[in-house]
Amino acid sequence: MRRHSARFDYDALYRDLIAQCDDEPAQEVIAGQVWSLVQTEHATGLSLSQLSPSTQGDGTFFHLRGKPVVELAELSLSWNNREAAIGAAAICAACNITERFAGAEEVNGQDLLLKKAVGKTVGVIGHFPFTEQLRAAAATLTVFDQQPRDGDLPQQAEEYLLPRMDVVAITGSALANKSLPRLLELARGAWVMLIGPSTPLSALLFDYGVDALSGSVARDPEELAEIVREGGGVQEFKHAVHFITMQKP
């Protein structure tokens, strides 16, 4: 299984994704309570909002509508959580173009992940609605989370245990919170899926050790923007998107 390099360069992954963005202006930029959104004429990108008390009032955050997507994507490099979420959403807006995936089979990555998990040692970064189904399919399942629930392990445990996994599922929000490069390095020997509405559908990520991408493409951009603006989550906007899964050739 080919991997990108002996060690990951944090900037390289982000710079490569930013380089895929263009100068198309953002028609809508929303920092919702749950999700952040960047919308152009041709696509809508989402990222889980990275809100915290320490970052709610600072950063270059206003008057972003009309700016080129590539400029907004640069915010993914920011250590300000709100800016980083907008930057990650801009990257998704550049990659998850509705027309590009027109006619593509709508596939939720859950099904592929469950198939890969059968009898395997599985690690999951973040919580998913199908976690218990994964637990039933896998030989063992370990859930790592920044805010562990009962039975979870804290993110510090990733350093020790991810290299032992056969299959690893990483939430797409790892792009915005800057954990993705290190997670991919740790999971070098595993089959890796990046999954969730925050996932950029870019084949570039296959070069960084991802084997499958499962993300969302807007079906109804106006409804999607309205739901994000009002603080809705996946359950509310799932009918406004297509779920698309890409596998490494």
C-alpha atoms as a PDB file:
ATOM      1  CA  MET A   1       0.000   0.000   0.000  1.00  0.00           C
ATOM      2  CA  ARG A   2       1.709   3.200  -1.168  1.00  0.00           C
ATOM      3  CA  ARG A   3       2.173   6.009   1.301  1.00  0.00           C
ATOM      4  CA  HIS A   4       3.214   9.581   0.645  1.00  0.00           C
ATOM      5  CA  SER A   5       6.520   9.834   2.505  1.00  0.00           C
ATOM      6  CA  ALA A   6       8.477   8.684   5.509  1.00  0.00           C
ATOM      7  CA  ARG A   7       7.130  11.618   7.540  1.00  0.00           C
ATOM      8  CA  PHE A   8       4.268  13.973   6.891  1.00  0.00           C
ATOM      9  CA  ASP A   9       4.800  17.674   6.442  1.00  0.00           C
ATOM     10  CA  TYR A  10       1.825  19.364   8.090  1.00  0.00           C
ATOM     11  CA  ASP A  11       1.842  22.273   5.640  1.00  0.00           C
ATOM     12  CA  ALA A  12       2.205  20.073   2.559  1.00  0.00           C
ATOM     13  CA  LEU A  13      -1.200  18.398   2.783  1.00  0.00           C
ATOM     14  CA  TYR A  14      -2.958  21.729   3.300  1.00  0.00           C
ATOM     15  CA  ARG A  15      -0.935  23.548   0.640  1.00  0.00           C
ATOM     16  CA  ASP A  16      -1.675  20.819  -1.896  1.00  0.00           C
ATOM     17  CA  LEU A  17      -5.404  21.043  -1.182  1.00  0.00           C
ATOM     18  CA  ILE A  18      -5.344  24.851  -1.329  1.00  0.00           C
ATOM     19  CA  ALA A  19      -3.566  24.650  -4.699  1.00  0.00           C
ATOM     20  CA  GLN A  20      -6.646  22.865  -6.091  1.00  0.00           C
ATOM     21  CA  CYS A  21      -8.834  25.868  -5.265  1.00  0.00           C
ATOM     22  CA  ASP A  22      -9.563  28.651  -7.730  1.00  0.00           C
ATOM     23  CA  ASP A  23     -10.610  32.311  -7.727  1.00  0.00           C
ATOM     24  CA  GLU A  24     -14.348  31.676  -7.880  1.00  0.00           C
ATOM     25  CA  PRO A  25     -16.030  34.080  -5.445  1.00  0.00           C
ATOM     26  CA  ALA A  26     -17.890  32.785  -2.415  1.00  0.00           C
ATOM     27  CA  GLN A  27     -21.561  33.667  -2.658  1.00  0.00           C
ATOM     28  CA  GLU A  28     -22.266  32.631   0.924  1.00  0.00           C
ATOM     29  CA  VAL A  29     -20.124  32.135   4.014  1.00  0.00           C
ATOM     30  CA  ILE A  30     -21.769  30.917   7.209  1.00  0.00           C
ATOM     31  CA  ALA A  31     -20.241  30.105  10.573  1.00  0.00           C
ATOM     32  CA  GLY A  32     -23.107  28.172  12.115  1.00  0.00           C
ATOM     33  CA  GLN A  33     -23.322  26.924  15.664  1.00  0.00           C
ATOM     34  CA  VAL A  34     -22.737  23.344  14.459  1.00  0.00           C
ATOM     35  CA  TRP A  35     -21.513  23.560  10.851  1.00  0.00           C
ATOM     36  CA  SER A  36     -19.632  26.123   8.793  1.00  0.00           C
ATOM     37  CA  LEU A  37     -20.380  26.576   5.098  1.00  0.00           C
ATOM     38  CA  VAL A  38     -18.816  28.147   2.009  1.00  0.00           C
ATOM     39  CA  GLN A  39     -20.987  28.276  -1.094  1.00  0.00           C
ATOM     40  CA  THR A  40     -20.145  29.210  -4.674  1.00  0.00           C
ATOM     41  CA  GLU A  41     -22.210  29.159  -7.838  1.00  0.00           C
ATOM     42  CA  HIS A  42     -21.171  25.537  -8.433  1.00  0.00           C
ATOM     43  CA  ALA A  43     -20.641  23.921  -5.038  1.00  0.00           C
ATOM     44  CA  THR A  44     -21.191  24.001  -1.305  1.00  0.00           C
ATOM     45  CA  GLY A  45     -18.505  23.010   1.167  1.00  0.00           C
ATOM     46  CA  LEU A  46     -19.111  22.084   4.798  1.00  0.00           C
ATOM     47  CA  SER A  47     -16.933  21.777   7.868  1.00  0.00           C
ATOM     48  CA  LEU A  48     -17.820  21.037  11.446  1.00  0.00           C
ATOM     49  CA  SER A  49     -17.560  24.344  13.312  1.00  0.00           C
ATOM     50  CA  GLN A  50     -14.557  24.369  15.622  1.00  0.00           C
ATOM     51  CA  LEU A  51     -16.028  26.722  18.209  1.00  0.00           C
ATOM     52  CA  SER A  52     -14.469  27.223  21.616  1.00  0.00           C
ATOM     53  CA  PRO A  53     -14.738  30.008  24.200  1.00  0.00           C
ATOM     54  CA  SER A  54     -11.165  31.098  23.495  1.00  0.00           C
ATOM     55  CA  THR A  55     -11.777  31.739  19.792  1.00  0.00           C
ATOM     56  CA  GLN A  56     -15.355  32.971  19.478  1.00  0.00           C
ATOM     57  CA  GLY A  57     -14.446  36.641  19.404  1.00  0.00           C
ATOM     58  CA  ASP A  58     -11.127  36.920  17.604  1.00  0.00           C
ATOM     59  CA  GLY A  59      -9.695  36.375  14.152  1.00  0.00           C
ATOM     60  CA  THR A  60     -10.282  37.892  10.719  1.00  0.00           C
ATOM     61  CA  PHE A  61     -13.791  36.634  10.513  1.00  0.00           C
ATOM     62  CA  PHE A  62     -16.170  39.159   8.953  1.00  0.00           C
ATOM     63  CA  HIS A  63     -16.774  40.359   5.379  1.00  0.00           C
ATOM     64  CA  LEU A  64     -15.784  37.058   3.806  1.00  0.00           C
ATOM     65  CA  ARG A  65     -18.590  36.819   1.243  1.00  0.00           C
ATOM     66  CA  GLY A  66     -17.297  37.624  -2.243  1.00  0.00           C
ATOM     67  CA  LYS A  67     -13.712  36.630  -1.492  1.00  0.00           C
ATOM     68  CA  PRO A  68     -12.063  34.053  -3.792  1.00  0.00           C
ATOM     69  CA  VAL A  69     -12.379  30.466  -2.594  1.00  0.00           C
ATOM     70  CA  VAL A  70      -8.604  30.048  -2.704  1.00  0.00           C
ATOM     71  CA  GLU A  71      -8.216  32.977  -0.287  1.00  0.00           C
ATOM     72  CA  LEU A  72     -10.758  31.476   2.096  1.00  0.00           C
ATOM     73  CA  ALA A  73      -9.056  28.082   1.793  1.00  0.00           C
ATOM     74  CA  GLU A  74      -5.857  29.655   3.147  1.00  0.00           C
ATOM     75  CA  LEU A  75      -7.710  30.032   6.443  1.00  0.00           C
ATOM     76  CA  SER A  76      -7.420  26.254   6.878  1.00  0.00           C
ATOM     77  CA  LEU A  77      -3.831  26.953   7.978  1.00  0.00           C
ATOM     78  CA  SER A  78      -5.015  29.255  10.777  1.00  0.00           C
ATOM     79  CA  TRP A  79      -4.826  28.186  14.399  1.00  0.00           C
ATOM     80  CA  ASN A  80      -7.965  30.186  15.042  1.00  0.00           C
ATOM     81  CA  ASN A  81     -10.662  27.516  15.188  1.00  0.00           C
ATOM     82  CA  ARG A  82     -13.398  29.554  13.522  1.00  0.00           C
ATOM     83  CA  GLU A  83     -11.130  30.572  10.653  1.00  0.00           C
ATOM     84  CA  ALA A  84      -9.869  27.009  10.202  1.00  0.00           C
ATOM     85  CA  ALA A  85     -13.437  25.707   9.866  1.00  0.00           C
ATOM     86  CA  ILE A  86     -14.201  28.282   7.160  1.00  0.00           C
ATOM     87  CA  GLY A  87     -10.950  27.358   5.400  1.00  0.00           C
ATOM     88  CA  ALA A  88     -11.790  23.649   5.446  1.00  0.00           C
ATOM     89  CA  ALA A  89     -15.300  24.385   4.145  1.00  0.00           C
ATOM     90  CA  ALA A  90     -13.750  26.407   1.306  1.00  0.00           C
ATOM     91  CA  ILE A  91     -11.537  23.449   0.361  1.00  0.00           C
ATOM     92  CA  CYS A  92     -14.643  21.254   0.242  1.00  0.00           C
ATOM     93  CA  ALA A  93     -16.409  23.860  -1.904  1.00  0.00           C
ATOM     94  CA  ALA A  94     -13.537  23.642  -4.382  1.00  0.00           C
ATOM     95  CA  CYS A  95     -13.543  19.829  -4.437  1.00  0.00           C
ATOM     96  CA  ASN A  96     -17.149  18.738  -3.900  1.00  0.00           C
ATOM     97  CA  ILE A  97     -18.576  20.329  -7.039  1.00  0.00           C
ATOM     98  CA  THR A  98     -22.150  19.282  -7.752  1.00  0.00           C
ATOM     99  CA  GLU A  99     -21.687  19.011 -11.529  1.00  0.00           C
ATOM    100  CA  ARG A 100     -18.553  16.886 -11.163  1.00  0.00           C
ATOM    101  CA  PHE A 101     -20.528  14.212  -9.355  1.00  0.00           C
ATOM    102  CA  ALA A 102     -23.745  14.475 -11.349  1.00  0.00           C
ATOM    103  CA  GLY A 103     -25.022  10.976 -12.051  1.00  0.00           C
ATOM    104  CA  ALA A 104     -22.599   9.394  -9.598  1.00  0.00           C
ATOM    105  CA  GLU A 105     -24.025   6.580  -7.527  1.00  0.00           C
ATOM    106  CA  GLU A 106     -25.090   7.837  -4.133  1.00  0.00           C
ATOM    107  CA  VAL A 107     -23.198   5.716  -1.633  1.00  0.00           C
ATOM    108  CA  ASN A 108     -22.871   6.293   2.084  1.00  0.00           C
ATOM    109  CA  GLY A 109     -19.406   5.275   3.245  1.00  0.00           C
ATOM    110  CA  GLN A 110     -20.959   3.436   6.158  1.00  0.00           C
ATOM    111  CA  ASP A 111     -21.649   0.381   3.999  1.00  0.00           C
ATOM    112  CA  LEU A 112     -18.109   0.160   2.640  1.00  0.00           C
ATOM    113  CA  LEU A 113     -16.619   0.709   6.095  1.00  0.00           C
ATOM    114  CA  LEU A 114     -18.764  -2.020   7.641  1.00  0.00           C
ATOM    115  CA  LYS A 115     -17.629  -4.427   4.927  1.00  0.00           C
ATOM    116  CA  LYS A 116     -13.945  -3.601   5.501  1.00  0.00           C
ATOM    117  CA  ALA A 117     -14.338  -3.907   9.282  1.00  0.00           C
ATOM    118  CA  VAL A 118     -15.478  -7.535   9.368  1.00  0.00           C
ATOM    119  CA  GLY A 119     -13.127  -9.512  11.595  1.00  0.00           C
ATOM    120  CA  LYS A 120     -10.588  -6.664  11.739  1.00  0.00           C
ATOM    121  CA  THR A 121      -9.001  -4.523  14.421  1.00  0.00           C
ATOM    122  CA  VAL A 122     -10.721  -1.186  13.851  1.00  0.00           C
ATOM    123  CA  GLY A 123      -9.998   2.312  15.132  1.00  0.00           C
ATOM    124  CA  VAL A 124     -12.457   5.178  14.780  1.00  0.00           C
ATOM    125  CA  ILE A 125     -11.610   8.848  15.259  1.00  0.00           C
ATOM    126  CA  GLY A 126     -14.784  10.540  16.443  1.00  0.00           C
ATOM    127  CA  HIS A 127     -18.306   9.245  16.916  1.00  0.00           C
ATOM    128  CA  PHE A 128     -20.582   8.061  14.127  1.00  0.00           C
ATOM    129  CA  PRO A 129     -24.253   6.985  14.209  1.00  0.00           C
ATOM    130  CA  PHE A 130     -23.227   3.463  13.132  1.00  0.00           C
ATOM    131  CA  THR A 131     -20.562   2.917  15.795  1.00  0.00           C
ATOM    132  CA  GLU A 132     -22.429  -0.010  17.360  1.00  0.00           C
ATOM    133  CA  GLN A 133     -22.818  -1.698  13.955  1.00  0.00           C
ATOM    134  CA  LEU A 134     -19.066  -1.366  13.509  1.00  0.00           C
ATOM    135  CA  ARG A 135     -18.507  -2.876  16.941  1.00  0.00           C
ATOM    136  CA  ALA A 136     -20.621  -5.888  15.991  1.00  0.00           C
ATOM    137  CA  ALA A 137     -18.747  -6.401  12.697  1.00  0.00           C
ATOM    138  CA  ALA A 138     -15.178  -5.868  13.892  1.00  0.00           C
ATOM    139  CA  ALA A 139     -12.997  -8.223  15.890  1.00  0.00           C
ATOM    140  CA  THR A 140     -12.253  -5.252  18.138  1.00  0.00           C
ATOM    141  CA  LEU A 141     -13.300  -1.588  17.917  1.00  0.00           C
ATOM    142  CA  THR A 142     -11.543   1.313  19.608  1.00  0.00           C
ATOM    143  CA  VAL A 143     -13.102   4.779  19.555  1.00  0.00           C
ATOM    144  CA  PHE A 144     -10.791   7.756  20.097  1.00  0.00           C
ATOM    145  CA  ASP A 145     -12.305  11.127  20.886  1.00  0.00           C
ATOM    146  CA  GLN A 146     -11.288  14.573  22.129  1.00  0.00           C
ATOM    147  CA  GLN A 147     -14.143  14.334  24.622  1.00  0.00           C
ATOM    148  CA  PRO A 148     -14.268  10.609  25.450  1.00  0.00           C
ATOM    149  CA  ARG A 149     -17.531   8.953  26.414  1.00  0.00           C
ATOM    150  CA  ASP A 150     -17.786   5.760  28.437  1.00  0.00           C
ATOM    151  CA  GLY A 151     -15.698   3.100  26.718  1.00  0.00           C
ATOM    152  CA  ASP A 152     -13.785   5.579  24.520  1.00  0.00           C
ATOM    153  CA  LEU A 153     -10.100   6.371  24.711  1.00  0.00           C
ATOM    154  CA  PRO A 154      -8.667   9.923  24.767  1.00  0.00           C
ATOM    155  CA  GLN A 155      -6.903  11.207  21.690  1.00  0.00           C
ATOM    156  CA  GLN A 156      -3.506  10.763  23.373  1.00  0.00           C
ATOM    157  CA  ALA A 157      -3.986   6.995  23.018  1.00  0.00           C
ATOM    158  CA  GLU A 158      -3.911   7.358  19.210  1.00  0.00           C
ATOM    159  CA  GLU A 159      -0.131   7.712  19.346  1.00  0.00           C
ATOM    160  CA  TYR A 160       0.215   4.219  20.807  1.00  0.00           C
ATOM    161  CA  LEU A 161      -2.694   2.274  19.332  1.00  0.00           C
ATOM    162  CA  LEU A 162      -3.429   3.536  15.799  1.00  0.00           C
ATOM    163  CA  PRO A 163      -0.324   1.837  14.319  1.00  0.00           C
ATOM    164  CA  ARG A 164      -1.797  -1.513  15.435  1.00  0.00           C
ATOM    165  CA  MET A 165      -5.095  -1.079  13.573  1.00  0.00           C
ATOM    166  CA  ASP A 166      -6.136  -2.891  10.391  1.00  0.00           C
ATOM    167  CA  VAL A 167      -8.876  -0.392   9.518  1.00  0.00           C
ATOM    168  CA  VAL A 168      -9.107   3.266  10.560  1.00  0.00           C
ATOM    169  CA  ALA A 169     -12.031   5.638  10.026  1.00  0.00           C
ATOM    170  CA  ILE A 170     -11.270   9.329  10.510  1.00  0.00           C
ATOM    171  CA  THR A 171     -13.865  12.060  10.763  1.00  0.00           C
ATOM    172  CA  GLY A 172     -13.534  14.677   8.017  1.00  0.00           C
ATOM    173  CA  SER A 173     -13.385  17.374  10.698  1.00  0.00           C
ATOM    174  CA  ALA A 174      -9.798  16.264  11.390  1.00  0.00           C
ATOM    175  CA  LEU A 175      -8.852  18.515   8.458  1.00  0.00           C
ATOM    176  CA  ALA A 176     -10.030  21.651  10.260  1.00  0.00           C
ATOM    177  CA  ASN A 177      -8.635  20.771  13.687  1.00  0.00           C
ATOM    178  CA  LYS A 178      -5.163  20.021  12.245  1.00  0.00           C
ATOM    179  CA  SER A 179      -5.027  16.423  13.481  1.00  0.00           C
ATOM    180  CA  LEU A 180      -5.330  14.831  10.028  1.00  0.00           C
ATOM    181  CA  PRO A 181      -1.623  14.762   8.984  1.00  0.00           C
ATOM    182  CA  ARG A 182      -0.544  13.047  12.203  1.00  0.00           C
ATOM    183  CA  LEU A 183      -3.471  10.606  12.137  1.00  0.00           C
ATOM    184  CA  LEU A 184      -2.571   9.555   8.600  1.00  0.00           C
ATOM    185  CA  GLU A 185       1.030   9.073   9.643  1.00  0.00           C
ATOM    186  CA  LEU A 186       0.025   6.892  12.579  1.00  0.00           C
ATOM    187  CA  ALA A 187      -2.387   4.850  10.450  1.00  0.00           C
ATOM    188  CA  ARG A 188       0.166   4.231   7.721  1.00  0.00           C
ATOM    189  CA  GLY A 189      -0.249   0.450   7.777  1.00  0.00           C
ATOM    190  CA  ALA A 190      -4.057   0.423   7.861  1.00  0.00           C
ATOM    191  CA  TRP A 191      -6.872   0.731   5.331  1.00  0.00           C
ATOM    192  CA  VAL A 192      -8.036   4.319   5.942  1.00  0.00           C
ATOM    193  CA  MET A 193     -11.330   6.053   5.254  1.00  0.00           C
ATOM    194  CA  LEU A 194     -11.942   9.785   5.673  1.00  0.00           C
ATOM    195  CA  ILE A 195     -15.671  10.121   6.283  1.00  0.00           C
ATOM    196  CA  GLY A 196     -18.296  12.763   6.990  1.00  0.00           C
ATOM    197  CA  PRO A 197     -19.702  15.950   5.437  1.00  0.00           C
ATOM    198  CA  SER A 198     -16.392  17.747   6.137  1.00  0.00           C
ATOM    199  CA  THR A 199     -14.496  15.392   3.790  1.00  0.00           C
ATOM    200  CA  PRO A 200     -12.989  16.942   0.627  1.00  0.00           C
ATOM    201  CA  LEU A 201     -13.669  14.639  -2.332  1.00  0.00           C
ATOM    202  CA  SER A 202     -10.178  15.086  -3.726  1.00  0.00           C
ATOM    203  CA  ALA A 203      -8.131  12.216  -5.164  1.00  0.00           C
ATOM    204  CA  LEU A 204      -5.068  14.092  -3.898  1.00  0.00           C
ATOM    205  CA  LEU A 205      -5.742  12.598  -0.465  1.00  0.00           C
ATOM    206  CA  PHE A 206      -5.060   9.126  -1.846  1.00  0.00           C
ATOM    207  CA  ASP A 207      -1.416  10.179  -2.139  1.00  0.00           C
ATOM    208  CA  TYR A 208      -1.395  10.937   1.585  1.00  0.00           C
ATOM    209  CA  GLY A 209      -2.489   7.481   2.677  1.00  0.00           C
ATOM    210  CA  VAL A 210      -6.287   7.663   2.445  1.00  0.00           C
ATOM    211  CA  ASP A 211      -7.897   4.657   0.748  1.00  0.00           C
ATOM    212  CA  ALA A 212     -11.506   5.862   0.599  1.00  0.00           C
ATOM    213  CA  LEU A 213     -13.265   9.222   0.835  1.00  0.00           C
ATOM    214  CA  SER A 214     -16.890   9.572   1.839  1.00  0.00           C
ATOM    215  CA  GLY A 215     -18.322  13.079   1.769  1.00  0.00           C
ATOM    216  CA  SER A 216     -21.290  15.147   0.710  1.00  0.00           C
ATOM    217  CA  VAL A 217     -22.297  17.123  -2.368  1.00  0.00           C
ATOM    218  CA  ALA A 218     -25.117  19.663  -2.247  1.00  0.00           C
ATOM    219  CA  ARG A 219     -28.448  18.507  -3.680  1.00  0.00           C
ATOM    220  CA  ASP A 220     -30.360  21.637  -2.612  1.00  0.00           C
ATOM    221  CA  PRO A 221     -27.830  24.429  -1.893  1.00  0.00           C
ATOM    222  CA  GLU A 222     -30.386  26.958  -0.672  1.00  0.00           C
ATOM    223  CA  GLU A 223     -31.986  24.555   1.803  1.00  0.00           C
ATOM    224  CA  LEU A 224     -28.569  23.385   2.974  1.00  0.00           C
ATOM    225  CA  ALA A 225     -27.422  26.955   3.649  1.00  0.00           C
ATOM    226  CA  GLU A 226     -30.632  27.757   5.530  1.00  0.00           C
ATOM    227  CA  ILE A 227     -30.289  24.696   7.771  1.00  0.00           C
ATOM    228  CA  VAL A 228     -26.650  25.493   8.562  1.00  0.00           C
ATOM    229  CA  ARG A 229     -27.541  29.124   9.287  1.00  0.00           C
ATOM    230  CA  GLU A 230     -30.205  27.977  11.763  1.00  0.00           C
ATOM    231  CA  GLY A 231     -27.836  25.610  13.577  1.00  0.00           C
ATOM    232  CA  GLY A 232     -29.031  22.314  12.106  1.00  0.00           C
ATOM    233  CA  GLY A 233     -26.971  19.164  11.918  1.00  0.00           C
ATOM    234  CA  VAL A 234     -26.652  16.126   9.665  1.00  0.00           C
ATOM    235  CA  GLN A 235     -30.071  14.779  10.574  1.00  0.00           C
ATOM    236  CA  GLU A 236     -31.623  18.057   9.420  1.00  0.00           C
ATOM    237  CA  PHE A 237     -29.641  18.536   6.209  1.00  0.00           C
ATOM    238  CA  LYS A 238     -29.174  14.924   5.054  1.00  0.00           C
ATOM    239  CA  HIS A 239     -31.966  15.316   2.478  1.00  0.00           C
ATOM    240  CA  ALA A 240     -30.251  18.410   1.036  1.00  0.00           C
ATOM    241  CA  VAL A 241     -27.051  16.545   0.112  1.00  0.00           C
ATOM    242  CA  HIS A 242     -25.863  13.515  -1.845  1.00  0.00           C
ATOM    243  CA  PHE A 243     -23.463  11.191  -0.029  1.00  0.00           C
ATOM    244  CA  ILE A 244     -20.620  10.218  -2.355  1.00  0.00           C
ATOM    245  CA  THR A 245     -17.868   7.656  -1.770  1.00  0.00           C
ATOM    246  CA  MET A 246     -14.617   7.451  -3.757  1.00  0.00           C
ATOM    247  CA  GLN A 247     -12.087   4.635  -3.475  1.00  0.00           C
ATOM    248  CA  LYS A 248      -8.413   4.678  -4.319  1.00  0.00           C
ATOM    249  CA  PRO A 249      -7.906   3.051  -7.725  1.00  0.00           C
END
